[in-house]
Amino acid sequence: MGASIRIRHMVPTVLGRKLVEAFLMLDASLVRPALRASMETQVASIADGKAEARAVLAENLDLYRNKFRVFQSRFDKAFYLFDGSELRDAPTSRGVVGLESFMDETSRSRLLALQLQKQDDEEAVRRSKGQRQTERRRQCEQAKKRTGTSSERNQKKQAKRKETRRS
């Protein structure tokens, strides 16, 4: 009998997929392998004695600082991706960095405004559903008053049948 092969793979969460989509929209190089490959090549050149660690570190810190600034300044373009549903299956742990930590003050304000608007919209939908249900109940009660309950209707039908049989 042959050995069984087990394949392990990661299944991304909704939050993970939305984050990758946001990264692709805001700075695709952050999720593509070329950026990491470049850094790995630089680290290998340090190990081979061809580059200075301080110079490579300074260069990469500058690169990522600039990328972060660009990402932060464009973040409001990705707001529509995050509506809260992505957090339902997200793992929870202490020390998790929230999206707000990537935003400048203007972006945080816009996100808060969007979240408040969504809550208002959801509340309006709930109120509307409640009003429709109340209206349906009222209509059903009025119909029952006009026609009587089902047992009363059945009694009326039976009485009519008896009358028609007698005639």
N, C-alpha and C. Protein backbone atom coordinates (compact mmCIF):
# COMPACT_ATOMS: atom_id res chain seq x y z
N MET A 1 0.83 -1.18 0.00
CA MET A 1 0.00 0.00 0.00
C MET A 1 0.88 1.24 0.00
N GLY A 2 0.55 2.21 -0.83
CA GLY A 2 1.37 3.41 -0.95
C GLY A 2 1.16 4.35 0.22
N ALA A 3 2.13 5.18 0.43
CA ALA A 3 2.04 6.16 1.49
C ALA A 3 1.03 7.24 1.10
N SER A 4 0.24 7.64 2.06
CA SER A 4 -0.74 8.69 1.75
C SER A 4 -0.04 10.06 1.81
N ILE A 5 -0.44 10.88 0.91
CA ILE A 5 0.14 12.23 0.83
C ILE A 5 -0.86 13.20 1.44
N ARG A 6 -0.40 13.95 2.38
CA ARG A 6 -1.25 14.97 3.00
C ARG A 6 -0.85 16.33 2.47
N ILE A 7 -1.82 17.03 2.00
CA ILE A 7 -1.57 18.37 1.48
C ILE A 7 -2.15 19.37 2.47
N ARG A 8 -1.31 20.27 2.88
CA ARG A 8 -1.75 21.33 3.80
C ARG A 8 -1.80 22.63 3.03
N HIS A 9 -2.82 23.37 3.26
CA HIS A 9 -2.92 24.67 2.62
C HIS A 9 -3.67 25.63 3.53
N MET A 10 -3.46 26.87 3.29
CA MET A 10 -4.12 27.91 4.08
C MET A 10 -5.40 28.32 3.36
N VAL A 11 -6.43 28.54 4.14
CA VAL A 11 -7.69 29.04 3.60
C VAL A 11 -7.85 30.47 4.13
N PRO A 12 -7.82 31.44 3.26
CA PRO A 12 -7.89 32.82 3.73
C PRO A 12 -9.27 33.16 4.29
N THR A 13 -9.29 34.00 5.29
CA THR A 13 -10.55 34.49 5.84
C THR A 13 -11.08 35.60 4.95
N VAL A 14 -12.29 36.02 5.22
CA VAL A 14 -12.86 37.14 4.47
C VAL A 14 -12.00 38.38 4.69
N LEU A 15 -11.58 38.59 5.93
CA LEU A 15 -10.73 39.74 6.23
C LEU A 15 -9.44 39.68 5.44
N GLY A 16 -8.81 38.50 5.40
CA GLY A 16 -7.56 38.33 4.65
C GLY A 16 -7.73 38.66 3.19
N ARG A 17 -8.82 38.16 2.59
CA ARG A 17 -9.06 38.44 1.16
C ARG A 17 -9.29 39.92 0.92
N LYS A 18 -10.03 40.57 1.83
CA LYS A 18 -10.30 42.00 1.65
C LYS A 18 -9.03 42.83 1.85
N LEU A 19 -8.18 42.41 2.78
CA LEU A 19 -6.91 43.12 2.99
C LEU A 19 -6.03 43.01 1.75
N VAL A 20 -5.94 41.82 1.18
CA VAL A 20 -5.13 41.65 -0.04
C VAL A 20 -5.72 42.50 -1.16
N GLU A 21 -7.05 42.52 -1.27
CA GLU A 21 -7.69 43.35 -2.30
C GLU A 21 -7.35 44.83 -2.09
N ALA A 22 -7.36 45.27 -0.83
CA ALA A 22 -7.01 46.66 -0.53
C ALA A 22 -5.55 46.94 -0.87
N PHE A 23 -4.66 46.02 -0.50
CA PHE A 23 -3.23 46.19 -0.81
C PHE A 23 -3.02 46.26 -2.32
N LEU A 24 -3.70 45.38 -3.06
CA LEU A 24 -3.56 45.40 -4.53
C LEU A 24 -4.03 46.73 -5.10
N MET A 25 -5.08 47.26 -4.52
CA MET A 25 -5.63 48.53 -5.00
C MET A 25 -4.71 49.70 -4.66
N LEU A 26 -4.12 49.68 -3.47
CA LEU A 26 -3.37 50.83 -2.97
C LEU A 26 -1.88 50.78 -3.30
N ASP A 27 -1.29 49.59 -3.27
CA ASP A 27 0.13 49.42 -3.63
C ASP A 27 0.38 47.94 -3.85
N ALA A 28 0.19 47.49 -5.07
CA ALA A 28 0.27 46.07 -5.40
C ALA A 28 1.64 45.47 -5.08
N SER A 29 2.69 46.28 -5.08
CA SER A 29 4.02 45.73 -4.82
C SER A 29 4.13 45.13 -3.42
N LEU A 30 3.24 45.54 -2.49
CA LEU A 30 3.29 45.02 -1.13
C LEU A 30 2.82 43.56 -1.02
N VAL A 31 2.10 43.08 -2.02
CA VAL A 31 1.66 41.68 -1.97
C VAL A 31 2.27 40.83 -3.09
N ARG A 32 3.10 41.43 -3.88
CA ARG A 32 3.77 40.69 -4.97
C ARG A 32 5.14 40.22 -4.47
N PRO A 33 5.66 39.13 -4.99
CA PRO A 33 6.92 38.56 -4.48
C PRO A 33 8.18 39.37 -4.81
N ALA A 34 8.14 40.25 -5.78
CA ALA A 34 9.35 40.96 -6.21
C ALA A 34 9.97 41.78 -5.08
N LEU A 35 9.15 42.43 -4.28
CA LEU A 35 9.66 43.28 -3.19
C LEU A 35 10.41 42.44 -2.16
N ARG A 36 9.81 41.33 -1.75
CA ARG A 36 10.49 40.43 -0.79
C ARG A 36 11.74 39.83 -1.41
N ALA A 37 11.65 39.44 -2.67
CA ALA A 37 12.81 38.84 -3.35
C ALA A 37 13.98 39.81 -3.38
N SER A 38 13.69 41.07 -3.62
CA SER A 38 14.74 42.09 -3.64
C SER A 38 15.41 42.20 -2.28
N MET A 39 14.59 42.22 -1.23
CA MET A 39 15.15 42.32 0.11
C MET A 39 15.97 41.07 0.45
N GLU A 40 15.47 39.90 0.06
CA GLU A 40 16.21 38.66 0.32
C GLU A 40 17.56 38.67 -0.41
N THR A 41 17.59 39.21 -1.62
CA THR A 41 18.85 39.32 -2.36
C THR A 41 19.82 40.24 -1.62
N GLN A 42 19.30 41.35 -1.10
CA GLN A 42 20.14 42.28 -0.35
C GLN A 42 20.69 41.63 0.93
N VAL A 43 19.84 40.85 1.62
CA VAL A 43 20.28 40.17 2.84
C VAL A 43 21.36 39.13 2.50
N ALA A 44 21.17 38.43 1.39
CA ALA A 44 22.19 37.46 0.95
C ALA A 44 23.50 38.17 0.64
N SER A 45 23.42 39.36 0.05
CA SER A 45 24.66 40.09 -0.25
C SER A 45 25.35 40.55 1.03
N ILE A 46 24.58 40.80 2.09
CA ILE A 46 25.19 41.11 3.40
C ILE A 46 25.93 39.87 3.91
N ALA A 47 25.24 38.71 3.81
CA ALA A 47 25.86 37.46 4.27
C ALA A 47 27.13 37.13 3.49
N ASP A 48 27.16 37.49 2.21
CA ASP A 48 28.34 37.23 1.38
C ASP A 48 29.42 38.29 1.55
N GLY A 49 29.15 39.32 2.35
CA GLY A 49 30.12 40.38 2.58
C GLY A 49 30.17 41.41 1.46
N LYS A 50 29.19 41.41 0.58
CA LYS A 50 29.17 42.34 -0.55
C LYS A 50 28.42 43.65 -0.24
N ALA A 51 27.69 43.67 0.89
CA ALA A 51 26.94 44.89 1.24
C ALA A 51 27.00 45.09 2.74
N GLU A 52 26.84 46.34 3.15
CA GLU A 52 26.85 46.71 4.57
C GLU A 52 25.43 46.59 5.13
N ALA A 53 25.30 45.96 6.29
CA ALA A 53 24.00 45.76 6.91
C ALA A 53 23.28 47.09 7.17
N ARG A 54 24.02 48.08 7.67
CA ARG A 54 23.40 49.38 7.97
C ARG A 54 22.83 50.05 6.72
N ALA A 55 23.57 49.97 5.63
CA ALA A 55 23.11 50.58 4.39
C ALA A 55 21.84 49.88 3.87
N VAL A 56 21.84 48.55 3.90
CA VAL A 56 20.68 47.78 3.44
C VAL A 56 19.48 48.07 4.34
N LEU A 57 19.71 48.09 5.65
CA LEU A 57 18.63 48.39 6.59
C LEU A 57 18.06 49.78 6.34
N ALA A 58 18.92 50.78 6.22
CA ALA A 58 18.46 52.15 5.99
C ALA A 58 17.67 52.25 4.68
N GLU A 59 18.16 51.60 3.64
CA GLU A 59 17.48 51.64 2.34
C GLU A 59 16.08 51.02 2.43
N ASN A 60 16.00 49.86 3.10
CA ASN A 60 14.70 49.18 3.22
C ASN A 60 13.74 49.92 4.15
N LEU A 61 14.27 50.49 5.21
CA LEU A 61 13.40 51.28 6.09
C LEU A 61 12.83 52.49 5.35
N ASP A 62 13.65 53.17 4.58
CA ASP A 62 13.17 54.30 3.78
C ASP A 62 12.10 53.85 2.78
N LEU A 63 12.39 52.74 2.11
CA LEU A 63 11.45 52.21 1.13
C LEU A 63 10.08 51.93 1.77
N TYR A 64 10.09 51.21 2.89
CA TYR A 64 8.83 50.85 3.54
C TYR A 64 8.15 52.04 4.20
N ARG A 65 8.92 52.98 4.71
CA ARG A 65 8.33 54.20 5.26
C ARG A 65 7.56 54.95 4.17
N ASN A 66 8.18 55.09 3.00
CA ASN A 66 7.52 55.77 1.88
C ASN A 66 6.29 55.00 1.42
N LYS A 67 6.40 53.69 1.34
CA LYS A 67 5.25 52.88 0.94
C LYS A 67 4.11 53.03 1.95
N PHE A 68 4.46 53.07 3.23
CA PHE A 68 3.43 53.25 4.26
C PHE A 68 2.73 54.60 4.10
N ARG A 69 3.50 55.65 3.86
CA ARG A 69 2.90 56.99 3.68
C ARG A 69 1.94 57.01 2.49
N VAL A 70 2.36 56.41 1.39
CA VAL A 70 1.50 56.36 0.20
C VAL A 70 0.25 55.54 0.51
N PHE A 71 0.44 54.39 1.14
CA PHE A 71 -0.68 53.52 1.51
C PHE A 71 -1.66 54.27 2.40
N GLN A 72 -1.13 54.96 3.40
CA GLN A 72 -1.95 55.69 4.34
C GLN A 72 -2.72 56.82 3.64
N SER A 73 -2.07 57.51 2.73
CA SER A 73 -2.73 58.64 2.06
C SER A 73 -3.82 58.18 1.09
N ARG A 74 -3.73 56.94 0.62
CA ARG A 74 -4.73 56.41 -0.32
C ARG A 74 -5.79 55.54 0.35
N PHE A 75 -5.65 55.30 1.65
CA PHE A 75 -6.48 54.31 2.31
C PHE A 75 -7.97 54.58 2.18
N ASP A 76 -8.37 55.83 2.10
CA ASP A 76 -9.80 56.13 2.00
C ASP A 76 -10.42 55.56 0.73
N LYS A 77 -9.60 55.26 -0.28
CA LYS A 77 -10.11 54.66 -1.52
C LYS A 77 -10.55 53.21 -1.30
N ALA A 78 -10.12 52.60 -0.22
CA ALA A 78 -10.44 51.19 0.04
C ALA A 78 -11.53 51.02 1.09
N PHE A 79 -12.11 52.11 1.59
CA PHE A 79 -13.13 52.02 2.64
C PHE A 79 -14.27 51.09 2.26
N TYR A 80 -14.73 51.18 1.03
CA TYR A 80 -15.91 50.42 0.63
C TYR A 80 -15.71 48.91 0.78
N LEU A 81 -14.45 48.46 0.85
CA LEU A 81 -14.18 47.03 1.00
C LEU A 81 -14.52 46.52 2.40
N PHE A 82 -14.48 47.40 3.38
CA PHE A 82 -14.62 46.99 4.77
C PHE A 82 -15.94 47.49 5.35
N ASP A 83 -16.88 46.55 5.51
CA ASP A 83 -18.18 46.92 6.05
C ASP A 83 -18.47 46.28 7.40
N GLY A 84 -17.50 45.59 7.94
CA GLY A 84 -17.67 44.92 9.23
C GLY A 84 -17.88 43.43 9.09
N SER A 85 -18.41 42.98 7.96
CA SER A 85 -18.65 41.54 7.77
C SER A 85 -17.35 40.76 7.76
N GLU A 86 -16.25 41.41 7.39
CA GLU A 86 -14.97 40.72 7.32
C GLU A 86 -14.44 40.36 8.70
N LEU A 87 -15.00 40.94 9.74
CA LEU A 87 -14.51 40.68 11.09
C LEU A 87 -15.21 39.49 11.75
N ARG A 88 -16.31 39.00 11.14
CA ARG A 88 -17.06 37.90 11.76
C ARG A 88 -16.23 36.63 11.90
N ASP A 89 -15.41 36.32 10.90
CA ASP A 89 -14.62 35.09 10.98
C ASP A 89 -13.14 35.36 11.27
N ALA A 90 -12.83 36.60 11.62
CA ALA A 90 -11.43 36.95 11.88
C ALA A 90 -11.00 36.39 13.24
N PRO A 91 -9.81 35.84 13.30
CA PRO A 91 -9.34 35.36 14.61
C PRO A 91 -9.13 36.53 15.55
N THR A 92 -9.37 36.29 16.81
CA THR A 92 -9.18 37.36 17.78
C THR A 92 -8.02 36.99 18.69
N SER A 93 -7.21 37.97 18.98
CA SER A 93 -6.12 37.76 19.92
C SER A 93 -5.69 39.12 20.45
N ARG A 94 -4.94 39.08 21.52
CA ARG A 94 -4.46 40.34 22.08
C ARG A 94 -3.37 40.91 21.19
N GLY A 95 -3.33 42.21 21.12
CA GLY A 95 -2.26 42.86 20.39
C GLY A 95 -2.50 42.95 18.89
N VAL A 96 -3.71 42.64 18.43
CA VAL A 96 -4.00 42.74 17.01
C VAL A 96 -4.09 44.21 16.64
N VAL A 97 -3.49 44.57 15.54
CA VAL A 97 -3.49 45.96 15.08
C VAL A 97 -4.74 46.18 14.24
N GLY A 98 -5.53 47.19 14.59
CA GLY A 98 -6.75 47.49 13.85
C GLY A 98 -6.45 48.31 12.62
N LEU A 99 -7.43 48.36 11.72
CA LEU A 99 -7.28 49.13 10.49
C LEU A 99 -7.01 50.61 10.78
N GLU A 100 -7.59 51.10 11.88
CA GLU A 100 -7.46 52.52 12.20
C GLU A 100 -6.00 52.94 12.38
N SER A 101 -5.15 51.99 12.77
CA SER A 101 -3.75 52.35 12.99
C SER A 101 -3.03 52.68 11.68
N PHE A 102 -3.61 52.31 10.54
CA PHE A 102 -3.01 52.61 9.25
C PHE A 102 -3.53 53.93 8.67
N MET A 103 -4.47 54.56 9.35
CA MET A 103 -5.15 55.72 8.78
C MET A 103 -4.66 57.02 9.39
N ASP A 104 -4.71 58.06 8.57
CA ASP A 104 -4.49 59.39 9.12
C ASP A 104 -5.81 59.87 9.72
N GLU A 105 -5.80 61.04 10.33
CA GLU A 105 -6.99 61.54 11.04
C GLU A 105 -8.19 61.73 10.10
N THR A 106 -7.94 62.22 8.90
CA THR A 106 -9.03 62.43 7.94
C THR A 106 -9.66 61.09 7.56
N SER A 107 -8.84 60.09 7.30
CA SER A 107 -9.36 58.77 6.95
C SER A 107 -10.14 58.16 8.10
N ARG A 108 -9.65 58.33 9.34
CA ARG A 108 -10.38 57.81 10.50
C ARG A 108 -11.76 58.46 10.61
N SER A 109 -11.80 59.76 10.37
CA SER A 109 -13.08 60.48 10.42
C SER A 109 -14.04 59.97 9.35
N ARG A 110 -13.52 59.76 8.15
CA ARG A 110 -14.37 59.24 7.07
C ARG A 110 -14.89 57.85 7.40
N LEU A 111 -14.02 57.00 7.95
CA LEU A 111 -14.44 55.65 8.31
C LEU A 111 -15.52 55.70 9.38
N LEU A 112 -15.33 56.53 10.37
CA LEU A 112 -16.33 56.66 11.43
C LEU A 112 -17.66 57.14 10.84
N ALA A 113 -17.60 58.11 9.95
CA ALA A 113 -18.83 58.62 9.31
C ALA A 113 -19.52 57.50 8.53
N LEU A 114 -18.75 56.69 7.81
CA LEU A 114 -19.33 55.57 7.06
C LEU A 114 -19.96 54.54 7.99
N GLN A 115 -19.28 54.25 9.10
CA GLN A 115 -19.82 53.28 10.05
C GLN A 115 -21.11 53.79 10.68
N LEU A 116 -21.15 55.07 11.03
CA LEU A 116 -22.36 55.65 11.60
C LEU A 116 -23.50 55.65 10.59
N GLN A 117 -23.19 55.97 9.34
CA GLN A 117 -24.20 55.96 8.28
C GLN A 117 -24.76 54.55 8.10
N LYS A 118 -23.88 53.55 8.14
CA LYS A 118 -24.33 52.16 7.99
C LYS A 118 -25.25 51.78 9.14
N GLN A 119 -24.90 52.18 10.36
CA GLN A 119 -25.75 51.88 11.51
C GLN A 119 -27.12 52.56 11.36
N ASP A 120 -27.12 53.81 10.91
CA ASP A 120 -28.38 54.52 10.69
C ASP A 120 -29.22 53.82 9.63
N ASP A 121 -28.58 53.39 8.55
CA ASP A 121 -29.29 52.69 7.47
C ASP A 121 -29.89 51.38 7.98
N GLU A 122 -29.11 50.63 8.76
CA GLU A 122 -29.61 49.37 9.31
C GLU A 122 -30.77 49.60 10.26
N GLU A 123 -30.70 50.64 11.07
CA GLU A 123 -31.79 50.97 11.99
C GLU A 123 -33.04 51.36 11.21
N ALA A 124 -32.88 52.12 10.14
CA ALA A 124 -34.03 52.50 9.31
C ALA A 124 -34.69 51.28 8.68
N VAL A 125 -33.87 50.32 8.25
CA VAL A 125 -34.41 49.08 7.66
C VAL A 125 -35.18 48.31 8.74
N ARG A 126 -34.61 48.21 9.95
CA ARG A 126 -35.30 47.50 11.04
C ARG A 126 -36.63 48.18 11.37
N ARG A 127 -36.62 49.51 11.44
CA ARG A 127 -37.86 50.24 11.74
C ARG A 127 -38.89 50.00 10.64
N SER A 128 -38.43 50.05 9.40
CA SER A 128 -39.33 49.84 8.27
C SER A 128 -39.94 48.45 8.30
N LYS A 129 -39.12 47.43 8.59
CA LYS A 129 -39.63 46.05 8.69
C LYS A 129 -40.65 45.96 9.81
N GLY A 130 -40.35 46.57 10.95
CA GLY A 130 -41.27 46.56 12.08
C GLY A 130 -42.59 47.22 11.73
N GLN A 131 -42.54 48.34 11.01
CA GLN A 131 -43.76 49.03 10.61
C GLN A 131 -44.57 48.17 9.64
N ARG A 132 -43.89 47.50 8.70
CA ARG A 132 -44.60 46.64 7.75
C ARG A 132 -45.26 45.47 8.47
N GLN A 133 -44.55 44.88 9.45
CA GLN A 133 -45.12 43.76 10.20
C GLN A 133 -46.33 44.22 11.01
N THR A 134 -46.22 45.39 11.63
CA THR A 134 -47.34 45.94 12.39
C THR A 134 -48.53 46.18 11.48
N GLU A 135 -48.28 46.72 10.29
CA GLU A 135 -49.35 46.97 9.33
C GLU A 135 -49.99 45.66 8.88
N ARG A 136 -49.20 44.63 8.62
CA ARG A 136 -49.74 43.32 8.22
C ARG A 136 -50.62 42.74 9.32
N ARG A 137 -50.15 42.84 10.57
CA ARG A 137 -50.95 42.33 11.69
C ARG A 137 -52.29 43.06 11.78
N ARG A 138 -52.24 44.38 11.62
CA ARG A 138 -53.46 45.18 11.67
C ARG A 138 -54.43 44.76 10.56
N GLN A 139 -53.90 44.55 9.36
CA GLN A 139 -54.73 44.13 8.24
C GLN A 139 -55.35 42.76 8.48
N CYS A 140 -54.56 41.84 9.05
CA CYS A 140 -55.08 40.51 9.35
C CYS A 140 -56.20 40.58 10.39
N GLU A 141 -56.01 41.40 11.41
CA GLU A 141 -57.04 41.56 12.45
C GLU A 141 -58.31 42.15 11.86
N GLN A 142 -58.18 43.13 10.97
CA GLN A 142 -59.35 43.71 10.32
C GLN A 142 -60.07 42.67 9.46
N ALA A 143 -59.31 41.88 8.75
CA ALA A 143 -59.91 40.84 7.91
C ALA A 143 -60.65 39.82 8.77
N LYS A 144 -60.06 39.46 9.91
CA LYS A 144 -60.72 38.51 10.81
C LYS A 144 -62.02 39.08 11.34
N LYS A 145 -62.01 40.37 11.66
CA LYS A 145 -63.24 41.00 12.17
C LYS A 145 -64.33 40.98 11.11
N ARG A 146 -63.93 41.22 9.85
CA ARG A 146 -64.92 41.23 8.76
C ARG A 146 -65.48 39.84 8.51
N THR A 147 -64.60 38.86 8.51
CA THR A 147 -65.03 37.50 8.13
C THR A 147 -65.18 36.58 9.32
N GLY A 148 -64.73 36.97 10.48
CA GLY A 148 -64.78 36.11 11.65
C GLY A 148 -63.58 35.18 11.67
N THR A 149 -63.46 34.42 12.75
CA THR A 149 -62.35 33.47 12.85
C THR A 149 -62.64 32.29 11.94
N SER A 150 -61.66 31.44 11.76
CA SER A 150 -61.83 30.29 10.87
C SER A 150 -62.93 29.37 11.39
N SER A 151 -63.04 29.19 12.72
CA SER A 151 -64.10 28.33 13.25
C SER A 151 -65.47 28.96 13.01
N GLU A 152 -65.56 30.28 13.13
CA GLU A 152 -66.83 30.95 12.84
C GLU A 152 -67.19 30.81 11.36
N ARG A 153 -66.20 30.93 10.48
CA ARG A 153 -66.45 30.77 9.05
C ARG A 153 -66.93 29.35 8.75
N ASN A 154 -66.29 28.37 9.38
CA ASN A 154 -66.70 26.98 9.17
C ASN A 154 -68.13 26.74 9.65
N GLN A 155 -68.46 27.33 10.77
CA GLN A 155 -69.83 27.18 11.29
C GLN A 155 -70.84 27.79 10.33
N LYS A 156 -70.51 28.96 9.76
CA LYS A 156 -71.39 29.60 8.79
C LYS A 156 -71.56 28.73 7.54
N LYS A 157 -70.45 28.15 7.06
CA LYS A 157 -70.51 27.28 5.88
C LYS A 157 -71.38 26.06 6.15
N GLN A 158 -71.22 25.46 7.32
CA GLN A 158 -72.01 24.28 7.66
C GLN A 158 -73.49 24.63 7.75
N ALA A 159 -73.77 25.81 8.33
CA ALA A 159 -75.17 26.24 8.43
C ALA A 159 -75.77 26.44 7.05
N LYS A 160 -75.02 27.02 6.12
CA LYS A 160 -75.50 27.22 4.75
C LYS A 160 -75.76 25.89 4.06
N ARG A 161 -74.87 24.92 4.28
CA ARG A 161 -75.05 23.60 3.68
C ARG A 161 -76.33 22.93 4.18
N LYS A 162 -76.58 23.06 5.48
CA LYS A 162 -77.78 22.46 6.06
C LYS A 162 -79.02 23.10 5.45
N GLU A 163 -78.97 24.42 5.28
CA GLU A 163 -80.12 25.12 4.69
C GLU A 163 -80.37 24.68 3.27
N THR A 164 -79.28 24.52 2.48
CA THR A 164 -79.44 24.10 1.09
C THR A 164 -79.95 22.67 1.02
N ARG A 165 -79.58 21.81 1.95
CA ARG A 165 -80.05 20.42 1.97
C ARG A 165 -81.54 20.37 2.29
N ARG A 166 -81.99 21.25 3.19
CA ARG A 166 -83.39 21.29 3.59
C ARG A 166 -84.28 21.76 2.45
N SER A 167 -83.74 22.63 1.61
CA SER A 167 -84.57 23.20 0.56
C SER A 167 -84.77 22.25 -0.59
